[in-house]
Amino acid sequence: MKVQTQVPEHLGAKANAALAWFSSHKSAEFKITGIIEEEPGALSGPNDDLQLILCGTLDGQDVCLREAFRVTNDHQVTYMPEEDIVTGSPAPELDPPEGKRKGWLNRVLADSEFVVLLFYRGLW
């Protein structure tokens, strides 16, 4: 399993359809920060099943979520609940959008002697 930061061009429209669906159902704005490739070469051909890393603000918290979708050629989106996601976790590769963590960490360190960072299921 590998996380790619760029969505392959031929999957761009499907990924954007999934992003629009997810953002509208969560009433929040997200952006695609990665796509998961289950097996080498799995993203090189036509694909209806997408696992995306979506980052945004949800309930006042900055989050990065791993979400799965089935998107047809006419861009009909079906959300696939977490239990349908193939096991195995790219959690060590999930990261907040570039620059977010450093700014937050610098602000917190200015007020504290040390900081403990905990990453749990896409929440940071």
Protein backbone atom coordinates (compact mmCIF):
# COMPACT_ATOMS: atom_id res chain seq x y z
CA MET A 1 0.00 0.00 0.00
CA LYS A 2 1.33 3.41 -0.99
CA VAL A 3 0.06 6.95 -0.60
CA GLN A 4 0.59 9.18 -3.63
CA THR A 5 0.27 12.92 -3.21
CA GLN A 6 -0.81 13.46 -6.82
CA VAL A 7 -4.01 11.99 -8.24
CA PRO A 8 -3.30 10.43 -11.65
CA GLU A 9 -4.69 12.64 -14.42
CA HIS A 10 -7.09 9.97 -15.72
CA LEU A 11 -8.69 9.69 -12.26
CA GLY A 12 -8.87 13.44 -11.61
CA ALA A 13 -12.53 13.92 -12.57
CA LYS A 14 -13.64 10.94 -10.46
CA ALA A 15 -11.56 12.10 -7.49
CA ASN A 16 -13.03 15.61 -7.77
CA ALA A 17 -16.56 14.16 -7.92
CA ALA A 18 -15.86 12.20 -4.73
CA LEU A 19 -14.38 15.30 -3.07
CA ALA A 20 -17.42 17.42 -3.99
CA TRP A 21 -19.79 14.74 -2.69
CA PHE A 22 -17.88 14.38 0.60
CA SER A 23 -17.54 18.12 1.18
CA SER A 24 -21.24 18.71 0.56
CA HIS A 25 -22.30 15.86 2.87
CA LYS A 26 -20.00 17.07 5.65
CA SER A 27 -20.91 20.74 5.06
CA ALA A 28 -17.21 21.54 5.15
CA GLU A 29 -14.47 22.25 2.66
CA PHE A 30 -11.86 19.55 2.12
CA LYS A 31 -9.05 19.09 -0.34
CA ILE A 32 -7.41 15.98 -1.70
CA THR A 33 -3.93 15.56 -0.27
CA GLY A 34 -3.36 11.96 -1.37
CA ILE A 35 -4.69 8.85 -3.03
CA ILE A 36 -3.99 5.30 -1.84
CA GLU A 37 -2.62 2.72 -4.22
CA GLU A 38 -3.42 -0.72 -2.77
CA GLU A 39 -1.12 -2.63 -5.12
CA PRO A 40 1.65 -1.43 -7.45
CA GLY A 41 0.13 -0.24 -10.72
CA ALA A 42 -3.44 -0.30 -9.39
CA LEU A 43 -3.96 3.37 -10.24
CA SER A 44 -2.58 3.17 -13.77
CA GLY A 45 -5.78 1.88 -15.41
CA PRO A 46 -9.47 2.69 -15.22
CA ASN A 47 -10.67 2.51 -11.66
CA ASP A 48 -14.05 3.04 -10.02
CA ASP A 49 -12.90 2.49 -6.41
CA LEU A 50 -10.89 5.32 -4.91
CA GLN A 51 -9.37 5.72 -1.47
CA LEU A 52 -8.56 9.36 -0.86
CA ILE A 53 -6.83 11.31 1.88
CA LEU A 54 -8.98 14.38 2.46
CA CYS A 55 -7.85 17.24 4.70
CA GLY A 56 -9.95 20.11 5.98
CA THR A 57 -11.68 21.52 9.02
CA LEU A 58 -14.50 19.54 10.60
CA ASP A 59 -16.29 20.70 13.75
CA GLY A 60 -13.58 23.30 14.34
CA GLN A 61 -10.73 20.76 14.15
CA ASP A 62 -8.16 20.34 11.39
CA VAL A 63 -8.40 16.73 10.24
CA CYS A 64 -7.05 14.44 7.56
CA LEU A 65 -9.33 11.51 6.81
CA ARG A 66 -8.94 8.36 4.76
CA GLU A 67 -12.20 7.85 2.87
CA ALA A 68 -13.26 5.36 0.20
CA PHE A 69 -15.63 5.93 -2.72
CA ARG A 70 -16.95 4.13 -5.76
CA VAL A 71 -17.29 6.58 -8.65
CA THR A 72 -18.82 5.54 -11.96
CA ASN A 73 -17.84 6.91 -15.35
CA ASP A 74 -20.79 9.32 -15.22
CA HIS A 75 -19.47 10.55 -11.82
CA GLN A 76 -22.14 8.97 -9.62
CA VAL A 77 -20.55 8.68 -6.16
CA THR A 78 -21.15 5.92 -3.62
CA TYR A 79 -19.55 6.35 -0.21
CA MET A 80 -17.91 3.19 1.11
CA PRO A 81 -18.02 3.00 4.91
CA GLU A 82 -14.80 2.42 6.83
CA GLU A 83 -15.47 -1.30 7.28
CA ASP A 84 -15.38 -1.72 3.48
CA ILE A 85 -11.87 -0.29 3.21
CA VAL A 86 -9.18 -2.87 2.60
CA THR A 87 -7.21 -3.45 5.79
CA GLY A 88 -3.78 -2.01 6.27
CA SER A 89 -3.15 1.57 7.21
CA PRO A 90 -1.08 4.30 5.61
CA ALA A 91 -1.44 6.26 8.87
CA PRO A 92 2.31 6.91 9.24
CA GLU A 93 2.21 8.63 5.83
CA LEU A 94 -0.79 10.84 6.60
CA ASP A 95 0.32 14.34 7.32
CA PRO A 96 -1.41 17.68 7.66
CA PRO A 97 -1.19 20.03 4.70
CA GLU A 98 2.29 21.46 4.23
CA GLY A 99 3.10 24.27 6.65
CA LYS A 100 0.11 23.78 8.98
CA ARG A 101 1.87 21.72 11.66
CA LYS A 102 5.02 23.86 11.81
CA GLY A 103 3.09 27.09 12.45
CA TRP A 104 0.93 25.48 15.12
CA LEU A 105 3.92 23.82 16.76
CA ASN A 106 5.88 27.08 16.88
CA ARG A 107 2.92 28.87 18.55
CA VAL A 108 2.51 26.11 21.15
CA LEU A 109 6.25 25.83 21.88
CA ALA A 110 6.39 29.56 22.58
CA ASP A 111 4.03 28.95 25.53
CA SER A 112 5.32 25.54 26.71
CA GLU A 113 8.56 23.84 27.65
CA PHE A 114 7.71 20.74 25.60
CA VAL A 115 4.93 19.35 23.47
CA VAL A 116 3.73 15.78 23.01
CA LEU A 117 2.40 15.08 19.52
CA LEU A 118 -0.14 12.32 19.10
CA PHE A 119 -1.45 11.17 15.77
CA TYR A 120 -4.62 9.08 15.88
CA ARG A 121 -6.56 7.92 12.81
CA GLY A 122 -6.07 11.06 10.79
CA LEU A 123 -6.60 13.50 13.63
CA TRP A 124 -3.73 15.78 14.53
